PDB file of N, CA and C in Angstrom:
ATOM      1  N   MET A   1      26.483 -20.298  -9.077  1.00  0.00           N
ATOM      2  CA  MET A   1      27.555 -19.440  -8.660  1.00  0.00           C
ATOM      3  C   MET A   1      27.107 -18.706  -7.414  1.00  0.00           C
ATOM      4  N   ILE A   2      28.022 -18.552  -6.496  1.00  0.00           N
ATOM      5  CA  ILE A   2      27.734 -17.882  -5.233  1.00  0.00           C
ATOM      6  C   ILE A   2      28.209 -16.440  -5.332  1.00  0.00           C
ATOM      7  N   ASP A   3      27.370 -15.508  -4.929  1.00  0.00           N
ATOM      8  CA  ASP A   3      27.697 -14.081  -4.939  1.00  0.00           C
ATOM      9  C   ASP A   3      28.281 -13.624  -6.272  1.00  0.00           C
ATOM     10  N   PRO A   4      27.489 -13.653  -7.332  1.00  0.00           N
ATOM     11  CA  PRO A   4      28.005 -13.219  -8.632  1.00  0.00           C
ATOM     12  C   PRO A   4      28.393 -11.744  -8.609  1.00  0.00           C
ATOM     13  N   THR A   5      29.420 -11.417  -9.374  1.00  0.00           N
ATOM     14  CA  THR A   5      29.851 -10.030  -9.496  1.00  0.00           C
ATOM     15  C   THR A   5      28.859  -9.275 -10.370  1.00  0.00           C
ATOM     16  N   LYS A   6      29.006  -7.953 -10.417  1.00  0.00           N
ATOM     17  CA  LYS A   6      28.103  -7.162 -11.264  1.00  0.00           C
ATOM     18  C   LYS A   6      28.282  -7.541 -12.734  1.00  0.00           C
ATOM     19  N   HIS A   7      29.511  -7.894 -13.134  1.00  0.00           N
ATOM     20  CA  HIS A   7      29.753  -8.305 -14.520  1.00  0.00           C
ATOM     21  C   HIS A   7      29.102  -9.655 -14.814  1.00  0.00           C
ATOM     22  N   GLU A   8      29.166 -10.567 -13.868  1.00  0.00           N
ATOM     23  CA  GLU A   8      28.534 -11.872 -14.052  1.00  0.00           C
ATOM     24  C   GLU A   8      27.015 -11.735 -14.143  1.00  0.00           C
ATOM     25  N   ILE A   9      26.448 -10.860 -13.335  1.00  0.00           N
ATOM     26  CA  ILE A   9      25.004 -10.635 -13.392  1.00  0.00           C
ATOM     27  C   ILE A   9      24.627 -10.034 -14.739  1.00  0.00           C
ATOM     28  N   GLU A  10      25.420  -9.072 -15.209  1.00  0.00           N
ATOM     29  CA  GLU A  10      25.148  -8.466 -16.511  1.00  0.00           C
ATOM     30  C   GLU A  10      25.260  -9.500 -17.633  1.00  0.00           C
ATOM     31  N   ALA A  11      26.248 -10.387 -17.528  1.00  0.00           N
ATOM     32  CA  ALA A  11      26.415 -11.441 -18.530  1.00  0.00           C
ATOM     33  C   ALA A  11      25.233 -12.413 -18.498  1.00  0.00           C
ATOM     34  N   MET A  12      24.698 -12.703 -17.324  1.00  0.00           N
ATOM     35  CA  MET A  12      23.516 -13.564 -17.224  1.00  0.00           C
ATOM     36  C   MET A  12      22.332 -12.919 -17.935  1.00  0.00           C
ATOM     37  N   HIS A  13      22.152 -11.631 -17.705  1.00  0.00           N
ATOM     38  CA  HIS A  13      21.054 -10.917 -18.373  1.00  0.00           C
ATOM     39  C   HIS A  13      21.249 -10.904 -19.886  1.00  0.00           C
ATOM     40  N   ALA A  14      22.491 -10.807 -20.329  1.00  0.00           N
ATOM     41  CA  ALA A  14      22.781 -10.793 -21.768  1.00  0.00           C
ATOM     42  C   ALA A  14      22.494 -12.142 -22.421  1.00  0.00           C
ATOM     43  N   ALA A  15      22.469 -13.201 -21.633  1.00  0.00           N
ATOM     44  CA  ALA A  15      22.199 -14.538 -22.178  1.00  0.00           C
ATOM     45  C   ALA A  15      20.701 -14.785 -22.389  1.00  0.00           C
ATOM     46  N   ILE A  16      19.857 -13.928 -21.854  1.00  0.00           N
ATOM     47  CA  ILE A  16      18.410 -14.137 -21.963  1.00  0.00           C
ATOM     48  C   ILE A  16      17.905 -14.024 -23.409  1.00  0.00           C
ATOM     49  N   PRO A  17      18.272 -12.995 -24.170  1.00  0.00           N
ATOM     50  CA  PRO A  17      17.763 -12.921 -25.550  1.00  0.00           C
ATOM     51  C   PRO A  17      18.136 -14.125 -26.423  1.00  0.00           C
ATOM     52  N   PRO A  18      19.410 -14.588 -26.411  1.00  0.00           N
ATOM     53  CA  PRO A  18      19.710 -15.784 -27.211  1.00  0.00           C
ATOM     54  C   PRO A  18      18.929 -17.009 -26.731  1.00  0.00           C
ATOM     55  N   LEU A  19      18.732 -17.128 -25.429  1.00  0.00           N
ATOM     56  CA  LEU A  19      17.940 -18.231 -24.894  1.00  0.00           C
ATOM     57  C   LEU A  19      16.503 -18.135 -25.405  1.00  0.00           C
ATOM     58  N   GLY A  20      15.939 -16.934 -25.380  1.00  0.00           N
ATOM     59  CA  GLY A  20      14.582 -16.733 -25.872  1.00  0.00           C
ATOM     60  C   GLY A  20      14.448 -17.079 -27.347  1.00  0.00           C
ATOM     61  N   GLU A  21      15.447 -16.705 -28.131  1.00  0.00           N
ATOM     62  CA  GLU A  21      15.432 -17.044 -29.556  1.00  0.00           C
ATOM     63  C   GLU A  21      15.439 -18.552 -29.754  1.00  0.00           C
ATOM     64  N   TYR A  22      16.260 -19.243 -28.966  1.00  0.00           N
ATOM     65  CA  TYR A  22      16.334 -20.700 -29.101  1.00  0.00           C
ATOM     66  C   TYR A  22      15.023 -21.354 -28.687  1.00  0.00           C
ATOM     67  N   VAL A  23      14.466 -20.917 -27.564  1.00  0.00           N
ATOM     68  CA  VAL A  23      13.201 -21.493 -27.084  1.00  0.00           C
ATOM     69  C   VAL A  23      12.092 -21.254 -28.111  1.00  0.00           C
ATOM     70  N   THR A  24      12.087 -20.081 -28.724  1.00  0.00           N
ATOM     71  CA  THR A  24      11.101 -19.798 -29.763  1.00  0.00           C
ATOM     72  C   THR A  24      11.274 -20.737 -30.947  1.00  0.00           C
ATOM     73  N   GLU A  25      12.530 -21.005 -31.297  1.00  0.00           N
ATOM     74  CA  GLU A  25      12.826 -21.919 -32.415  1.00  0.00           C
ATOM     75  C   GLU A  25      12.345 -23.333 -32.117  1.00  0.00           C
ATOM     76  N   VAL A  26      12.563 -23.793 -30.887  1.00  0.00           N
ATOM     77  CA  VAL A  26      12.166 -25.153 -30.500  1.00  0.00           C
ATOM     78  C   VAL A  26      10.646 -25.256 -30.388  1.00  0.00           C
ATOM     79  N   GLY A  27      10.050 -24.220 -29.865  1.00  0.00           N
ATOM     80  CA  GLY A  27       8.592 -24.204 -29.652  1.00  0.00           C
ATOM     81  C   GLY A  27       8.303 -23.582 -28.309  1.00  0.00           C
ATOM     82  N   MET A  28       7.776 -22.385 -28.349  1.00  0.00           N
ATOM     83  CA  MET A  28       7.573 -21.591 -27.139  1.00  0.00           C
ATOM     84  C   MET A  28       6.765 -22.325 -26.069  1.00  0.00           C
ATOM     85  N   TYR A  29       5.804 -23.112 -26.483  1.00  0.00           N
ATOM     86  CA  TYR A  29       4.926 -23.759 -25.521  1.00  0.00           C
ATOM     87  C   TYR A  29       5.255 -25.238 -25.312  1.00  0.00           C
ATOM     88  N   LYS A  30       6.391 -25.661 -25.835  1.00  0.00           N
ATOM     89  CA  LYS A  30       6.824 -27.042 -25.646  1.00  0.00           C
ATOM     90  C   LYS A  30       7.416 -27.175 -24.233  1.00  0.00           C
ATOM     91  N   PRO A  31       6.886 -28.078 -23.412  1.00  0.00           N
ATOM     92  CA  PRO A  31       7.430 -28.256 -22.064  1.00  0.00           C
ATOM     93  C   PRO A  31       8.892 -28.706 -22.105  1.00  0.00           C
ATOM     94  N   LEU A  32       9.656 -28.229 -21.154  1.00  0.00           N
ATOM     95  CA  LEU A  32      11.080 -28.566 -21.097  1.00  0.00           C
ATOM     96  C   LEU A  32      11.301 -30.079 -21.017  1.00  0.00           C
ATOM     97  N   ASN A  33      10.419 -30.787 -20.343  1.00  0.00           N
ATOM     98  CA  ASN A  33      10.593 -32.238 -20.242  1.00  0.00           C
ATOM     99  C   ASN A  33      10.311 -32.959 -21.561  1.00  0.00           C
ATOM    100  N   ASP A  34       9.798 -32.232 -22.559  1.00  0.00           N
ATOM    101  CA  ASP A  34       9.603 -32.810 -23.893  1.00  0.00           C
ATOM    102  C   ASP A  34      10.768 -32.512 -24.834  1.00  0.00           C
ATOM    103  N   TYR A  35      11.741 -31.725 -24.384  1.00  0.00           N
ATOM    104  CA  TYR A  35      12.922 -31.450 -25.206  1.00  0.00           C
ATOM    105  C   TYR A  35      13.742 -32.728 -25.341  1.00  0.00           C
ATOM    106  N   SER A  36      14.328 -32.908 -26.491  1.00  0.00           N
ATOM    107  CA  SER A  36      15.241 -34.040 -26.671  1.00  0.00           C
ATOM    108  C   SER A  36      16.566 -33.715 -25.971  1.00  0.00           C
ATOM    109  N   LYS A  37      17.377 -34.737 -25.799  1.00  0.00           N
ATOM    110  CA  LYS A  37      18.697 -34.532 -25.193  1.00  0.00           C
ATOM    111  C   LYS A  37      19.502 -33.536 -26.023  1.00  0.00           C
ATOM    112  N   GLU A  38      19.434 -33.656 -27.332  1.00  0.00           N
ATOM    113  CA  GLU A  38      20.158 -32.747 -28.229  1.00  0.00           C
ATOM    114  C   GLU A  38      19.661 -31.303 -28.063  1.00  0.00           C
ATOM    115  N   GLN A  39      18.357 -31.132 -27.918  1.00  0.00           N
ATOM    116  CA  GLN A  39      17.812 -29.789 -27.732  1.00  0.00           C
ATOM    117  C   GLN A  39      18.267 -29.179 -26.405  1.00  0.00           C
ATOM    118  N   ILE A  40      18.324 -29.982 -25.363  1.00  0.00           N
ATOM    119  CA  ILE A  40      18.804 -29.508 -24.058  1.00  0.00           C
ATOM    120  C   ILE A  40      20.269 -29.112 -24.154  1.00  0.00           C
ATOM    121  N   LEU A  41      21.074 -29.956 -24.785  1.00  0.00           N
ATOM    122  CA  LEU A  41      22.502 -29.645 -24.923  1.00  0.00           C
ATOM    123  C   LEU A  41      22.721 -28.371 -25.742  1.00  0.00           C
ATOM    124  N   THR A  42      21.928 -28.199 -26.777  1.00  0.00           N
ATOM    125  CA  THR A  42      22.031 -26.981 -27.586  1.00  0.00           C
ATOM    126  C   THR A  42      21.625 -25.763 -26.770  1.00  0.00           C
ATOM    127  N   MET A  43      20.584 -25.891 -25.969  1.00  0.00           N
ATOM    128  CA  MET A  43      20.143 -24.787 -25.126  1.00  0.00           C
ATOM    129  C   MET A  43      21.246 -24.393 -24.138  1.00  0.00           C
ATOM    130  N   ILE A  44      21.888 -25.371 -23.537  1.00  0.00           N
ATOM    131  CA  ILE A  44      22.990 -25.101 -22.619  1.00  0.00           C
ATOM    132  C   ILE A  44      24.126 -24.389 -23.358  1.00  0.00           C
ATOM    133  N   GLU A  45      24.444 -24.872 -24.542  1.00  0.00           N
ATOM    134  CA  GLU A  45      25.498 -24.256 -25.341  1.00  0.00           C
ATOM    135  C   GLU A  45      25.171 -22.802 -25.681  1.00  0.00           C
ATOM    136  N   VAL A  46      23.938 -22.531 -26.045  1.00  0.00           N
ATOM    137  CA  VAL A  46      23.505 -21.162 -26.371  1.00  0.00           C
ATOM    138  C   VAL A  46      23.707 -20.240 -25.169  1.00  0.00           C
ATOM    139  N   VAL A  47      23.264 -20.680 -23.999  1.00  0.00           N
ATOM    140  CA  VAL A  47      23.352 -19.858 -22.796  1.00  0.00           C
ATOM    141  C   VAL A  47      24.802 -19.657 -22.361  1.00  0.00           C
ATOM    142  N   VAL A  48      25.562 -20.727 -22.300  1.00  0.00           N
ATOM    143  CA  VAL A  48      26.952 -20.628 -21.840  1.00  0.00           C
ATOM    144  C   VAL A  48      27.779 -19.776 -22.798  1.00  0.00           C
ATOM    145  N   THR A  49      27.580 -19.957 -24.096  1.00  0.00           N
ATOM    146  CA  THR A  49      28.314 -19.168 -25.083  1.00  0.00           C
ATOM    147  C   THR A  49      27.969 -17.685 -24.953  1.00  0.00           C
ATOM    148  N   ALA A  50      26.698 -17.361 -24.865  1.00  0.00           N
ATOM    149  CA  ALA A  50      26.286 -15.962 -24.733  1.00  0.00           C
ATOM    150  C   ALA A  50      26.829 -15.350 -23.443  1.00  0.00           C
ATOM    151  N   TYR A  51      26.789 -16.100 -22.359  1.00  0.00           N
ATOM    152  CA  TYR A  51      27.303 -15.634 -21.072  1.00  0.00           C
ATOM    153  C   TYR A  51      28.792 -15.315 -21.170  1.00  0.00           C
ATOM    154  N   HIS A  52      29.556 -16.270 -21.676  1.00  0.00           N
ATOM    155  CA  HIS A  52      31.015 -16.078 -21.745  1.00  0.00           C
ATOM    156  C   HIS A  52      31.410 -14.993 -22.738  1.00  0.00           C
ATOM    157  N   GLU A  53      30.741 -14.928 -23.869  1.00  0.00           N
ATOM    158  CA  GLU A  53      31.068 -13.882 -24.839  1.00  0.00           C
ATOM    159  C   GLU A  53      30.814 -12.502 -24.250  1.00  0.00           C
ATOM    160  N   ASN A  54      29.716 -12.352 -23.535  1.00  0.00           N
ATOM    161  CA  ASN A  54      29.423 -11.061 -22.923  1.00  0.00           C
ATOM    162  C   ASN A  54      30.407 -10.753 -21.803  1.00  0.00           C
ATOM    163  N   LEU A  55      30.730 -11.745 -20.995  1.00  0.00           N
ATOM    164  CA  LEU A  55      31.668 -11.536 -19.899  1.00  0.00           C
ATOM    165  C   LEU A  55      33.040 -11.127 -20.435  1.00  0.00           C
ATOM    166  N   ARG A  56      33.444 -11.697 -21.554  1.00  0.00           N
ATOM    167  CA  ARG A  56      34.727 -11.320 -22.158  1.00  0.00           C
ATOM    168  C   ARG A  56      34.753  -9.857 -22.563  1.00  0.00           C
ATOM    169  N   THR A  57      33.631  -9.336 -23.022  1.00  0.00           N
ATOM    170  CA  THR A  57      33.591  -7.923 -23.416  1.00  0.00           C
ATOM    171  C   THR A  57      33.577  -7.009 -22.196  1.00  0.00           C
ATOM    172  N   LEU A  58      33.024  -7.500 -21.091  1.00  0.00           N
ATOM    173  CA  LEU A  58      32.964  -6.691 -19.873  1.00  0.00           C
ATOM    174  C   LEU A  58      34.284  -6.683 -19.110  1.00  0.00           C
ATOM    175  N   VAL A  59      34.968  -7.799 -19.110  1.00  0.00           N
ATOM    176  CA  VAL A  59      36.192  -7.946 -18.334  1.00  0.00           C
ATOM    177  C   VAL A  59      37.270  -8.598 -19.202  1.00  0.00           C
ATOM    178  N   PRO A  60      37.717  -7.926 -20.257  1.00  0.00           N
ATOM    179  CA  PRO A  60      38.642  -8.569 -21.192  1.00  0.00           C
ATOM    180  C   PRO A  60      39.989  -8.951 -20.577  1.00  0.00           C
ATOM    181  N   LYS A  61      40.480  -8.191 -19.633  1.00  0.00           N
ATOM    182  CA  LYS A  61      41.803  -8.479 -19.073  1.00  0.00           C
ATOM    183  C   LYS A  61      41.823  -9.791 -18.300  1.00  0.00           C
ATOM    184  N   GLU A  62      40.701 -10.170 -17.716  1.00  0.00           N
ATOM    185  CA  GLU A  62      40.641 -11.420 -16.962  1.00  0.00           C
ATOM    186  C   GLU A  62      40.691 -12.640 -17.869  1.00  0.00           C
ATOM    187  N   PHE A  63      40.401 -12.451 -19.158  1.00  0.00           N
ATOM    188  CA  PHE A  63      40.378 -13.562 -20.094  1.00  0.00           C
ATOM    189  C   PHE A  63      41.597 -13.602 -21.000  1.00  0.00           C
ATOM    190  N   GLU A  64      42.469 -12.613 -20.880  1.00  0.00           N
ATOM    191  CA  GLU A  64      43.662 -12.594 -21.714  1.00  0.00           C
ATOM    192  C   GLU A  64      44.692 -13.560 -21.142  1.00  0.00           C
ATOM    193  N   GLU A  65      45.424 -14.168 -22.034  1.00  0.00           N
ATOM    194  CA  GLU A  65      46.494 -15.042 -21.582  1.00  0.00           C
ATOM    195  C   GLU A  65      47.694 -14.181 -21.210  1.00  0.00           C
ATOM    196  N   ASP A  66      48.404 -14.607 -20.204  1.00  0.00           N
ATOM    197  CA  ASP A  66      49.605 -13.896 -19.772  1.00  0.00           C
ATOM    198  C   ASP A  66      50.707 -14.211 -20.776  1.00  0.00           C
ATOM    199  N   SER A  67      51.099 -13.200 -21.518  1.00  0.00           N
ATOM    200  CA  SER A  67      52.100 -13.413 -22.564  1.00  0.00           C
ATOM    201  C   SER A  67      53.497 -13.646 -21.999  1.00  0.00           C
ATOM    202  N   ASN A  68      53.683 -13.424 -20.697  1.00  0.00           N
ATOM    203  CA  ASN A  68      54.993 -13.642 -20.082  1.00  0.00           C
ATOM    204  C   ASN A  68      55.208 -15.081 -19.641  1.00  0.00           C
ATOM    205  N   VAL A  69      54.164 -15.886 -19.658  1.00  0.00           N
ATOM    206  CA  VAL A  69      54.283 -17.268 -19.227  1.00  0.00           C
ATOM    207  C   VAL A  69      54.894 -18.087 -20.363  1.00  0.00           C
ATOM    208  N   ARG A  70      55.966 -18.783 -20.083  1.00  0.00           N
ATOM    209  CA  ARG A  70      56.636 -19.604 -21.088  1.00  0.00           C
ATOM    210  C   ARG A  70      56.556 -21.069 -20.671  1.00  0.00           C
ATOM    211  N   PHE A  71      56.276 -21.910 -21.618  1.00  0.00           N
ATOM    212  CA  PHE A  71      56.181 -23.345 -21.339  1.00  0.00           C
ATOM    213  C   PHE A  71      57.326 -24.066 -21.973  1.00  0.00           C
TER     214      PHE A  71
END
């Protein structure tokens, strides 16, 4: 991301603890190139989920659906 907002930076920082928990679970000293494809995908999921969940709490209005839009 280019020029992250203060909320995006805060959300990135909030993703660090869940990432650390996952890395500890996999093996703190296991090299990243030894992770299985499934472990990499899970790690990505952990980080992206934590990032988005935190961002939603920081900027809830940006994530709300416009209730006036009719399909």
